Amino acid sequence: MTHRVLLACLTLMLAVQVAWAAGNGDAGQFDVVEMTIGEAREGLRSGRFTCRQLTARHLARISAYDQTGGLNAIAHVNPNAMRRAETLDRAWRDRGEMAPLHCMPVILKDNMHTADMPTEAGAIALQGFVPPEDAFIVKRLREAGAIVVAKSNMGEWAFSPFHTISSTRGETRNAYDPERVPAGSSGGTASAIAAAFGIIGLGTDTGNSIRGPAAHLALVGLRPTLGATSRQGIVPLLLNRDIAGPMTRTVEDAAITFSVIAGHDPADPLTRQGKERLREDYRAYLDTGGLSGARLGVMRELYETADADPEVMRIMEQALDDLREAGAVLVDPFEVFDFEMLRNATGFCSRFRFDLDNHLRDLGDAAPVRTLDEIVSAGRYLEHNERSMAWAMGVDVPPHEMQPPCVDVDGDPRRRALLDAVLEAMDEQRVDAVLYPTWSNPPRGIGDLDSPHGNNSPMIAPHTGQPAITVPMGFTASGLPLGLQFLARPFDEHVLFRLAYAYEQHTQHRRPPARFKALSP
């Protein structure tokens, strides 16, 4: 089936679901643009709208805007979304049951296994593949009452941090400017949440892919500590750096979502590290005065480069002024001994072939393809990913046998040395978190692979395993979003939420993209 036919089928299916909902009394007077989890729960509790109405309104936005508006953020719509909404409505009506994420519409990146929808990882080699069961974090979302309304387009195999192009759905565009990229590889989730196709988004981050797109779409994006969320049931890129996390319009919604998805999974040994260190409810750390007395390290060495955009640098300086005004103490500049040498020594070693083959093998007879070799031999990948495939295929040694080993932080002396240096500098300078712009340049134009990008996200957190959060920092004069990033010690997500929330509340930079207005009831 061609891409064009698939899109036509998707649009028709959405239209049928929305029409069915409207014909069953679902034309309530409410607006979901910028709606938060708290606002949605209040509306459901008060009876202002039902779960069926809330779900239908989000499906209507996808139908009205995704393809017609040229966004191309959605890969699959859940055919069971309205049925799930009815079940939740009955639970609330008959038993007064409302789980933490009751009826919250979720957009999942399409590398997360869903037993009721395809999981393709943006790759034609997996086209139409429906996994036998949900990923661990998807199970947690559903158990908490969430509705997976759709899955988002993503970069093929999550390869690129700069754009979001799959071999199944094509290219996703930036909701703030269709001539700009949403970054990658979770750009579909980012544009979808910015355009209010859902309230909660989930992405994965190997080097950049939650924080980069979140910053380009004026969202909050959290890359958790390695081991804070399970990777079970997620198509891997590099398992020693892969992690899943929330992408939302507010810090509070990110904290609520993270509280649900974080936790120990026996199927993912790395999550044992967080068993005693994760908090139960991260909302408890949200404090409008959370910046008062906080010591923040300004890592100018990371972002003040010859290619940095002057307007972004000016807005970054305004962010620093805002932080001071909110009571923060800035350690400026914050420096890490031998940072450049340590960072350069810690590369993204290639283990994709090994990790993907293991993932496919674990699927057993359900796997649509057996090995990466089989995919490459058949030429079933995007031409522009030729270099990435060559990089992946060029290594035929198990990660633990590489020299140095291509493994987790504790097993890789390069990664451990960088983490130790960063933590030592934070301790010596008594810093709660480190600061830098998520990108030193605005979003690139569609098709532009040459202009400076200023991507700061891959420099520390993916190597050291530390958590980092991006929060809206403002907009360029032309209306392009920018993000401010906070990096903290391992398992200090509560610190990140406290700082980011205080900054968000003090500045109120978030605003929706003008092209995706509220729909008429």
Protein backbone atom coordinates (compact mmCIF):
# COMPACT_ATOMS: atom_id res chain seq x y z
CA MET A 1 0.00 0.00 0.00
CA THR A 2 1.44 3.40 -0.98
CA HIS A 3 2.12 6.24 1.41
CA ARG A 4 -0.61 8.32 -0.28
CA VAL A 5 -3.20 5.55 0.13
CA LEU A 6 -2.21 5.03 3.77
CA LEU A 7 -2.71 8.72 4.48
CA ALA A 8 -6.12 8.65 2.78
CA CYS A 9 -7.14 5.67 4.92
CA LEU A 10 -5.92 7.43 8.05
CA THR A 11 -7.93 10.56 7.24
CA LEU A 12 -11.06 8.53 6.50
CA MET A 13 -10.76 6.54 9.73
CA LEU A 14 -10.39 9.73 11.73
CA ALA A 15 -13.37 11.32 10.01
CA VAL A 16 -15.53 8.28 10.80
CA GLN A 17 -14.52 8.29 14.49
CA VAL A 18 -15.10 12.01 14.85
CA ALA A 19 -18.45 11.87 13.04
CA TRP A 20 -19.54 8.96 15.22
CA ALA A 21 -18.63 10.90 18.33
CA ALA A 22 -20.43 14.02 17.16
CA GLY A 23 -23.53 11.96 16.38
CA ASN A 24 -23.58 10.66 19.92
CA GLY A 25 -23.84 14.00 21.67
CA ASP A 26 -20.14 14.88 21.76
CA ALA A 27 -20.29 18.52 20.67
CA GLY A 28 -19.56 20.16 24.00
CA GLN A 29 -18.39 23.77 24.33
CA PHE A 30 -14.78 23.41 25.41
CA ASP A 31 -11.34 24.05 23.98
CA VAL A 32 -8.39 21.67 24.23
CA VAL A 33 -5.71 24.07 22.95
CA GLU A 34 -3.08 24.30 25.72
CA MET A 35 -5.26 22.17 28.01
CA THR A 36 -3.27 20.66 30.89
CA ILE A 37 -3.74 17.40 32.77
CA GLY A 38 -5.17 19.30 35.73
CA GLU A 39 -7.63 21.23 33.57
CA ALA A 40 -8.74 18.06 31.81
CA ARG A 41 -9.31 16.24 35.10
CA GLU A 42 -11.29 19.17 36.48
CA GLY A 43 -13.48 19.19 33.37
CA LEU A 44 -14.10 15.47 33.62
CA ARG A 45 -14.85 15.60 37.34
CA SER A 46 -17.23 18.54 37.02
CA GLY A 47 -19.08 16.98 34.09
CA ARG A 48 -18.24 19.85 31.74
CA PHE A 49 -17.25 17.18 29.23
CA THR A 50 -16.94 13.40 29.08
CA CYS A 51 -13.95 11.28 28.26
CA ARG A 52 -15.59 10.48 24.95
CA GLN A 53 -15.92 14.18 24.17
CA LEU A 54 -12.32 14.91 25.19
CA THR A 55 -10.99 12.07 23.05
CA ALA A 56 -13.16 13.02 20.08
CA ARG A 57 -11.96 16.63 20.25
CA HIS A 58 -8.32 15.55 20.01
CA LEU A 59 -9.07 13.12 17.19
CA ALA A 60 -10.89 15.95 15.40
CA ARG A 61 -7.79 18.13 15.61
CA ILE A 62 -5.66 15.39 14.06
CA SER A 63 -8.23 14.95 11.30
CA ALA A 64 -8.50 18.69 10.66
CA TYR A 65 -4.87 19.70 10.88
CA ASP A 66 -2.28 16.95 10.51
CA GLN A 67 -2.44 16.28 6.77
CA THR A 68 -4.50 19.28 5.70
CA GLY A 69 -2.13 21.55 7.59
CA GLY A 70 0.92 19.82 6.17
CA LEU A 71 2.26 18.88 9.59
CA ASN A 72 2.57 15.11 8.97
CA ALA A 73 3.18 14.43 12.67
CA ILE A 74 0.93 11.38 13.01
CA ALA A 75 1.83 7.86 11.89
CA HIS A 76 -1.12 5.86 13.25
CA VAL A 77 -4.44 6.66 14.91
CA ASN A 78 -5.72 4.25 17.53
CA PRO A 79 -8.93 2.61 16.21
CA ASN A 80 -9.82 1.66 19.80
CA ALA A 81 -9.54 5.17 21.27
CA MET A 82 -13.27 5.89 21.41
CA ARG A 83 -14.06 2.45 22.83
CA ARG A 84 -11.48 3.01 25.54
CA ALA A 85 -13.02 6.42 26.27
CA GLU A 86 -16.45 4.85 26.74
CA THR A 87 -15.01 2.32 29.19
CA LEU A 88 -13.43 5.11 31.22
CA ASP A 89 -16.64 7.11 31.20
CA ARG A 90 -18.51 4.11 32.62
CA ALA A 91 -15.88 3.62 35.34
CA TRP A 92 -16.29 7.25 36.42
CA ARG A 93 -20.08 7.29 36.11
CA ASP A 94 -20.77 3.95 37.79
CA ARG A 95 -17.97 3.61 40.34
CA GLY A 96 -16.45 7.07 40.72
CA GLU A 97 -13.07 5.72 39.60
CA MET A 98 -10.57 8.18 38.20
CA ALA A 99 -6.96 6.97 37.85
CA PRO A 100 -4.05 9.47 37.83
CA LEU A 101 -4.12 9.86 34.03
CA HIS A 102 -7.83 9.11 33.54
CA CYS A 103 -8.68 9.80 29.88
CA MET A 104 -5.51 11.78 29.19
CA PRO A 105 -4.84 11.62 25.41
CA VAL A 106 -1.31 10.43 24.71
CA ILE A 107 0.85 10.66 21.59
CA LEU A 108 3.53 7.94 21.54
CA LYS A 109 6.67 7.96 19.46
CA ASP A 110 6.35 5.10 17.00
CA ASN A 111 9.23 3.06 18.40
CA MET A 112 7.23 2.11 21.51
CA HIS A 113 5.46 -1.24 21.29
CA THR A 114 1.65 -1.11 21.26
CA ALA A 115 -0.35 -4.33 21.01
CA ASP A 116 -3.30 -2.57 19.36
CA MET A 117 -1.41 -0.50 16.77
CA PRO A 118 1.62 -0.90 14.48
CA THR A 119 5.09 -0.10 15.76
CA GLU A 120 7.34 0.75 12.82
CA ALA A 121 10.17 2.92 14.24
CA GLY A 122 9.84 5.06 11.14
CA ALA A 123 11.23 2.16 9.11
CA ILE A 124 9.67 0.57 6.05
CA ALA A 125 11.34 -2.68 7.13
CA LEU A 126 8.84 -2.83 10.04
CA GLN A 127 5.83 -1.49 8.13
CA GLY A 128 2.57 -2.91 9.48
CA PHE A 129 4.22 -4.76 12.38
CA VAL A 130 1.91 -5.06 15.42
CA PRO A 131 3.80 -6.26 18.53
CA PRO A 132 2.38 -9.01 20.73
CA GLU A 133 2.31 -6.76 23.82
CA ASP A 134 2.75 -3.17 25.01
CA ALA A 135 6.08 -1.75 26.08
CA PHE A 136 6.50 -1.50 29.86
CA ILE A 137 5.98 2.27 29.97
CA VAL A 138 2.94 2.00 27.67
CA LYS A 139 1.43 -0.50 30.10
CA ARG A 140 2.05 1.97 32.93
CA LEU A 141 0.30 4.74 31.03
CA ARG A 142 -2.73 2.59 30.28
CA GLU A 143 -2.90 1.29 33.85
CA ALA A 144 -2.97 4.94 34.96
CA GLY A 145 -6.01 5.54 32.75
CA ALA A 146 -4.38 7.21 29.74
CA ILE A 147 -5.66 6.78 26.18
CA VAL A 148 -3.11 6.32 23.42
CA VAL A 149 -4.88 8.31 20.71
CA ALA A 150 -2.09 8.14 18.16
CA LYS A 151 1.52 7.33 17.43
CA SER A 152 3.80 9.92 15.96
CA ASN A 153 6.05 9.98 12.94
CA MET A 154 9.75 9.68 13.75
CA GLY A 155 13.11 9.62 12.07
CA GLU A 156 13.83 6.24 10.49
CA TRP A 157 15.35 4.06 13.25
CA ALA A 158 15.72 7.33 15.26
CA PHE A 159 18.89 8.14 13.34
CA SER A 160 18.86 11.93 12.93
CA PRO A 161 18.80 14.65 15.61
CA PHE A 162 18.20 17.38 13.03
CA HIS A 163 15.03 16.37 11.17
CA THR A 164 12.22 13.82 11.38
CA ILE A 165 11.92 11.78 8.17
CA SER A 166 10.64 8.22 8.10
CA SER A 167 10.57 5.77 5.23
CA THR A 168 6.92 5.05 6.08
CA ARG A 169 5.36 8.53 6.42
CA GLY A 170 7.83 11.07 5.04
CA GLU A 171 8.87 14.31 6.73
CA THR A 172 7.29 16.05 9.73
CA ARG A 173 7.30 19.84 9.82
CA ASN A 174 7.53 22.36 12.63
CA ALA A 175 4.12 23.43 13.97
CA TYR A 176 5.37 27.02 14.34
CA ASP A 177 6.68 27.28 10.78
CA PRO A 178 6.08 24.62 8.11
CA GLU A 179 9.28 25.64 6.37
CA ARG A 180 11.30 24.68 9.46
CA VAL A 181 12.28 21.34 10.97
CA PRO A 182 10.99 20.07 14.33
CA ALA A 183 14.42 18.49 14.93
CA GLY A 184 14.63 14.71 15.36
CA SER A 185 14.00 12.00 15.92
CA SER A 186 10.94 12.63 18.15
CA GLY A 187 9.83 15.54 15.99
CA GLY A 188 6.43 13.95 15.33
CA THR A 189 5.60 13.85 19.02
CA ALA A 190 6.83 17.42 19.49
CA SER A 191 4.81 18.95 16.66
CA ALA A 192 1.74 16.90 17.64
CA ILE A 193 1.78 18.08 21.26
CA ALA A 194 2.51 21.68 20.25
CA ALA A 195 -0.54 21.54 17.95
CA ALA A 196 -2.72 20.02 20.73
CA PHE A 197 -3.27 16.62 19.14
CA GLY A 198 -2.77 15.21 22.64
CA ILE A 199 -2.00 16.41 26.17
CA ILE A 200 0.86 14.01 26.93
CA GLY A 201 3.66 13.08 24.54
CA LEU A 202 6.38 10.48 24.91
CA GLY A 203 9.68 10.43 23.09
CA THR A 204 13.03 8.70 23.30
CA ASP A 205 16.42 10.35 23.62
CA THR A 206 19.71 8.75 22.61
CA GLY A 207 21.62 11.99 22.16
CA ASN A 208 19.07 14.75 21.64
CA SER A 209 15.77 13.34 20.53
CA ILE A 210 13.49 14.45 23.39
CA ARG A 211 15.12 17.74 24.31
CA GLY A 212 15.97 18.91 20.78
CA PRO A 213 12.44 18.62 19.35
CA ALA A 214 10.88 19.90 22.60
CA ALA A 215 12.97 23.08 22.40
CA HIS A 216 12.12 23.60 18.71
CA LEU A 217 8.39 23.35 19.59
CA ALA A 218 8.27 25.41 22.83
CA LEU A 219 7.71 22.30 24.96
CA VAL A 220 9.05 20.84 28.16
CA GLY A 221 11.13 17.73 27.45
CA LEU A 222 12.81 15.53 30.04
CA ARG A 223 15.66 13.14 29.35
CA PRO A 224 15.62 11.10 32.58
CA THR A 225 18.61 9.51 34.29
CA LEU A 226 19.65 6.30 32.55
CA GLY A 227 17.81 3.61 34.50
CA ALA A 228 14.88 5.79 35.58
CA THR A 229 12.50 4.50 32.88
CA SER A 230 12.35 1.08 31.26
CA ARG A 231 13.52 0.47 27.71
CA GLN A 232 11.66 -2.84 27.43
CA GLY A 233 9.50 -2.95 24.31
CA ILE A 234 11.15 0.07 22.68
CA VAL A 235 12.94 -0.39 19.36
CA PRO A 236 16.57 0.45 20.22
CA LEU A 237 19.09 2.77 18.64
CA LEU A 238 21.97 2.55 21.16
CA LEU A 239 20.84 0.78 24.32
CA ASN A 240 23.68 2.17 26.39
CA ARG A 241 22.28 5.67 25.82
CA ASP A 242 18.58 5.19 24.97
CA ILE A 243 15.99 6.50 27.43
CA ALA A 244 12.28 7.41 27.22
CA GLY A 245 10.69 10.48 28.74
CA PRO A 246 7.80 12.97 28.62
CA MET A 247 7.24 15.81 26.16
CA THR A 248 4.50 18.16 27.37
CA ARG A 249 3.39 21.77 27.27
CA THR A 250 4.01 22.39 30.98
CA VAL A 251 6.50 21.33 33.62
CA GLU A 252 3.68 20.11 35.88
CA ASP A 253 2.37 17.77 33.18
CA ALA A 254 5.89 16.42 32.64
CA ALA A 255 6.24 15.78 36.39
CA ILE A 256 2.89 13.98 36.54
CA THR A 257 3.73 11.83 33.52
CA PHE A 258 7.22 10.98 34.76
CA SER A 259 5.79 9.91 38.12
CA VAL A 260 3.72 7.31 36.24
CA ILE A 261 6.29 5.95 33.78
CA ALA A 262 9.40 5.91 36.01
CA GLY A 263 10.20 2.79 37.99
CA HIS A 264 11.78 -0.61 38.21
CA ASP A 265 11.14 -3.13 35.45
CA PRO A 266 12.58 -6.64 36.02
CA ALA A 267 12.90 -6.99 32.24
CA ASP A 268 15.32 -4.02 32.13
CA PRO A 269 18.20 -4.61 34.58
CA LEU A 270 19.37 -0.99 34.31
CA THR A 271 16.23 0.16 36.14
CA ARG A 272 17.47 -1.48 39.35
CA GLN A 273 19.66 1.61 39.80
CA GLY A 274 16.61 3.77 40.42
CA LYS A 275 14.69 1.52 42.80
CA GLU A 276 15.72 3.42 45.94
CA ARG A 277 16.30 6.82 44.35
CA LEU A 278 13.13 7.64 42.46
CA ARG A 279 10.41 9.74 44.12
CA GLU A 280 6.78 8.68 44.25
CA ASP A 281 5.18 11.96 43.13
CA TYR A 282 7.31 14.62 41.44
CA ARG A 283 4.55 17.22 41.71
CA ALA A 284 5.57 17.57 45.36
CA TYR A 285 8.70 19.42 44.21
CA LEU A 286 6.95 22.05 42.09
CA ASP A 287 7.50 25.40 43.78
CA THR A 288 7.14 28.86 42.27
CA GLY A 289 9.92 29.96 44.60
CA GLY A 290 12.13 27.04 43.66
CA LEU A 291 14.86 29.23 42.18
CA SER A 292 15.39 31.25 45.35
CA GLY A 293 18.93 30.53 46.52
CA ALA A 294 19.50 27.87 43.86
CA ARG A 295 23.06 27.79 42.54
CA LEU A 296 23.19 27.34 38.78
CA GLY A 297 26.32 26.86 36.69
CA VAL A 298 26.38 28.72 33.36
CA MET A 299 28.40 26.53 31.01
CA ARG A 300 29.47 29.09 28.44
CA GLU A 301 32.20 26.79 27.13
CA LEU A 302 29.46 24.56 25.79
CA TYR A 303 27.43 27.09 23.82
CA GLU A 304 29.44 30.24 23.09
CA THR A 305 30.92 29.18 19.78
CA ALA A 306 31.80 31.05 16.59
CA ASP A 307 28.66 29.69 14.92
CA ALA A 308 26.25 30.55 17.73
CA ASP A 309 23.35 32.74 16.58
CA PRO A 310 23.57 36.29 18.05
CA GLU A 311 19.82 36.50 18.65
CA VAL A 312 19.81 33.19 20.54
CA MET A 313 22.77 34.38 22.61
CA ARG A 314 20.91 37.61 23.44
CA ILE A 315 17.82 35.66 24.54
CA MET A 316 20.04 33.36 26.61
CA GLU A 317 21.41 36.41 28.43
CA GLN A 318 17.83 37.52 29.11
CA ALA A 319 17.13 34.05 30.53
CA LEU A 320 20.07 34.48 32.91
CA ASP A 321 18.68 37.85 34.01
CA ASP A 322 15.30 36.22 34.60
CA LEU A 323 16.89 33.51 36.71
CA ARG A 324 18.69 36.09 38.85
CA GLU A 325 15.45 38.03 39.22
CA ALA A 326 13.76 34.84 40.46
CA GLY A 327 16.43 34.46 43.15
CA ALA A 328 18.98 32.14 41.57
CA VAL A 329 22.70 32.53 42.22
CA LEU A 330 24.62 32.08 38.98
CA VAL A 331 28.08 30.55 38.93
CA ASP A 332 29.24 32.18 35.73
CA PRO A 333 31.19 30.73 34.10
CA PHE A 334 30.85 27.16 35.32
CA GLU A 335 33.85 25.12 34.22
CA VAL A 336 34.68 21.42 34.13
CA PHE A 337 38.35 20.48 34.24
CA ASP A 338 39.53 19.06 30.90
CA PHE A 339 35.95 19.13 29.61
CA GLU A 340 36.81 19.38 25.90
CA MET A 341 39.27 16.50 26.07
CA LEU A 342 36.91 14.29 28.09
CA ARG A 343 33.94 15.06 25.85
CA ASN A 344 35.84 14.37 22.66
CA ALA A 345 37.04 11.04 24.05
CA THR A 346 33.46 9.93 24.72
CA GLY A 347 31.95 9.18 21.31
CA PHE A 348 28.71 7.51 20.27
CA CYS A 349 30.12 4.04 19.64
CA SER A 350 28.17 1.88 17.20
CA ARG A 351 26.09 -0.95 18.68
CA PHE A 352 22.85 -0.48 16.72
CA ARG A 353 23.35 -3.69 14.76
CA PHE A 354 23.83 -5.71 17.95
CA ASP A 355 20.93 -4.08 19.83
CA LEU A 356 18.45 -4.27 16.94
CA ASP A 357 19.28 -7.91 16.19
CA ASN A 358 18.71 -8.79 19.86
CA HIS A 359 15.43 -6.88 19.87
CA LEU A 360 14.20 -8.72 16.77
CA ARG A 361 15.33 -12.06 18.15
CA ASP A 362 13.39 -11.47 21.38
CA LEU A 363 10.24 -11.01 19.31
CA GLY A 364 10.54 -14.59 18.09
CA ASP A 365 8.10 -15.60 15.39
CA ALA A 366 6.34 -12.23 15.64
CA ALA A 367 9.36 -10.39 14.21
CA PRO A 368 8.70 -9.01 10.70
CA VAL A 369 12.41 -9.21 9.86
CA ARG A 370 15.29 -11.07 11.51
CA THR A 371 18.46 -8.98 11.29
CA LEU A 372 19.86 -5.63 10.22
CA ASP A 373 21.89 -7.49 7.58
CA GLU A 374 18.61 -8.64 6.03
CA ILE A 375 17.27 -5.07 5.98
CA VAL A 376 20.43 -3.66 4.40
CA SER A 377 20.70 -6.45 1.84
CA ALA A 378 17.15 -5.71 0.69
CA GLY A 379 17.85 -1.95 0.59
CA ARG A 380 14.84 -1.28 2.81
CA TYR A 381 15.88 2.07 4.25
CA LEU A 382 16.05 5.72 3.25
CA GLU A 383 18.83 6.68 0.87
CA HIS A 384 19.83 9.63 3.03
CA ASN A 385 20.54 7.17 5.88
CA GLU A 386 23.22 5.41 3.84
CA ARG A 387 26.03 6.74 6.02
CA SER A 388 24.21 5.79 9.22
CA MET A 389 23.69 2.26 7.92
CA ALA A 390 27.33 2.01 6.93
CA TRP A 391 28.28 3.17 10.44
CA ALA A 392 26.03 0.50 11.95
CA MET A 393 27.14 -2.29 9.62
CA GLY A 394 30.82 -1.46 9.98
CA VAL A 395 30.97 -2.95 13.48
CA ASP A 396 30.52 -6.70 13.94
CA VAL A 397 31.85 -7.01 17.50
CA PRO A 398 29.64 -7.35 20.59
CA PRO A 399 29.66 -4.10 22.59
CA HIS A 400 31.35 -5.58 25.66
CA GLU A 401 34.22 -6.89 23.51
CA MET A 402 34.99 -3.51 21.92
CA GLN A 403 37.99 -1.58 23.16
CA PRO A 404 37.03 0.46 25.08
CA PRO A 405 33.76 -1.39 25.71
CA CYS A 406 30.62 0.19 24.23
CA VAL A 407 28.54 -0.33 27.37
CA ASP A 408 26.95 1.57 30.25
CA VAL A 409 28.50 4.42 32.21
CA ASP A 410 30.13 2.31 34.90
CA GLY A 411 31.57 -0.14 32.38
CA ASP A 412 33.01 2.48 30.02
CA PRO A 413 36.02 4.34 31.49
CA ARG A 414 35.55 7.26 29.06
CA ARG A 415 31.97 7.86 30.14
CA ARG A 416 32.82 7.40 33.82
CA ALA A 417 35.66 9.92 33.57
CA LEU A 418 33.37 12.54 32.07
CA LEU A 419 30.68 11.94 34.71
CA ASP A 420 33.21 12.13 37.53
CA ALA A 421 34.60 15.39 36.18
CA VAL A 422 31.16 17.00 35.85
CA LEU A 423 30.06 15.88 39.32
CA GLU A 424 33.34 16.99 40.88
CA ALA A 425 32.94 20.44 39.31
CA MET A 426 29.32 20.66 40.50
CA ASP A 427 30.36 19.69 44.03
CA GLU A 428 33.33 22.05 44.18
CA GLN A 429 31.32 25.00 42.88
CA ARG A 430 28.24 23.98 44.91
CA VAL A 431 26.02 23.91 41.84
CA ASP A 432 22.50 22.43 41.88
CA ALA A 433 22.25 22.27 38.09
CA VAL A 434 24.15 23.30 34.96
CA LEU A 435 22.65 25.70 32.39
CA TYR A 436 22.93 26.13 28.62
CA PRO A 437 20.62 26.81 25.67
CA THR A 438 19.26 23.57 24.20
CA TRP A 439 20.22 24.86 20.76
CA SER A 440 22.58 27.77 20.06
CA ASN A 441 20.78 28.37 16.76
CA PRO A 442 17.13 28.54 15.67
CA PRO A 443 15.42 25.62 13.88
CA ARG A 444 16.88 24.96 10.46
CA GLY A 445 14.87 25.18 7.27
CA ILE A 446 13.41 22.05 5.71
CA GLY A 447 16.13 20.38 3.65
CA ASP A 448 18.94 22.46 5.18
CA LEU A 449 21.72 20.16 6.38
CA ASP A 450 24.52 22.73 6.26
CA SER A 451 23.60 25.76 8.37
CA PRO A 452 24.97 25.85 11.95
CA HIS A 453 22.68 23.94 14.29
CA GLY A 454 24.18 24.58 17.74
CA ASN A 455 22.93 21.29 19.18
CA ASN A 456 24.08 21.22 22.82
CA SER A 457 22.01 18.27 24.03
CA PRO A 458 24.45 15.45 23.07
CA MET A 459 27.45 16.99 24.82
CA ILE A 460 26.99 15.70 28.38
CA ALA A 461 23.81 13.88 29.44
CA PRO A 462 23.81 10.95 26.96
CA HIS A 463 27.41 10.11 27.89
CA THR A 464 27.20 10.59 31.64
CA GLY A 465 23.67 9.27 32.12
CA GLN A 466 22.61 12.46 33.91
CA PRO A 467 19.06 13.84 33.68
CA ALA A 468 18.37 17.03 31.74
CA ILE A 469 15.24 19.05 31.05
CA THR A 470 14.49 21.72 28.46
CA VAL A 471 11.89 24.41 29.07
CA PRO A 472 10.71 27.25 26.77
CA MET A 473 13.16 30.17 26.83
CA GLY A 474 11.33 32.48 24.43
CA PHE A 475 11.04 33.07 20.71
CA THR A 476 13.10 34.70 18.00
CA ALA A 477 11.74 37.86 16.38
CA SER A 478 10.36 35.67 13.59
CA GLY A 479 8.48 33.48 16.08
CA LEU A 480 10.73 30.42 16.30
CA PRO A 481 10.87 28.69 19.71
CA LEU A 482 14.03 28.43 21.82
CA GLY A 483 14.77 26.26 24.85
CA LEU A 484 16.77 26.54 28.08
CA GLN A 485 18.28 23.32 29.41
CA PHE A 486 19.04 22.33 33.03
CA LEU A 487 21.37 19.36 33.75
CA ALA A 488 21.42 17.77 37.22
CA ARG A 489 23.07 14.95 39.15
CA PRO A 490 21.89 11.36 38.50
CA PHE A 491 18.35 10.76 39.81
CA ASP A 492 17.91 14.44 40.68
CA GLU A 493 14.84 14.78 38.47
CA HIS A 494 13.06 16.33 41.44
CA VAL A 495 15.63 19.14 41.39
CA LEU A 496 15.11 19.66 37.66
CA PHE A 497 11.34 19.86 38.06
CA ARG A 498 11.69 22.37 40.91
CA LEU A 499 14.02 24.66 38.95
CA ALA A 500 12.27 24.35 35.59
CA TYR A 501 8.84 24.95 37.13
CA ALA A 502 9.98 28.09 38.92
CA TYR A 503 11.56 29.42 35.72
CA GLU A 504 8.47 28.54 33.67
CA GLN A 505 6.12 30.25 36.12
CA HIS A 506 8.35 33.31 36.35
CA THR A 507 8.65 33.80 32.58
CA GLN A 508 5.51 32.23 31.03
CA HIS A 509 7.14 31.89 27.60
CA ARG A 510 4.97 29.08 26.25
CA ARG A 511 2.43 30.07 23.58
CA PRO A 512 0.65 27.84 21.04
CA PRO A 513 1.41 27.86 17.30
CA ALA A 514 -0.96 30.29 15.58
CA ARG A 515 -1.77 27.96 12.68
CA PHE A 516 -3.58 25.38 14.84
CA LYS A 517 -6.45 27.30 16.39
CA ALA A 518 -9.39 25.92 18.37
CA LEU A 519 -11.94 24.05 16.28
CA SER A 520 -15.56 25.13 16.17
CA PRO A 521 -17.78 22.77 18.20
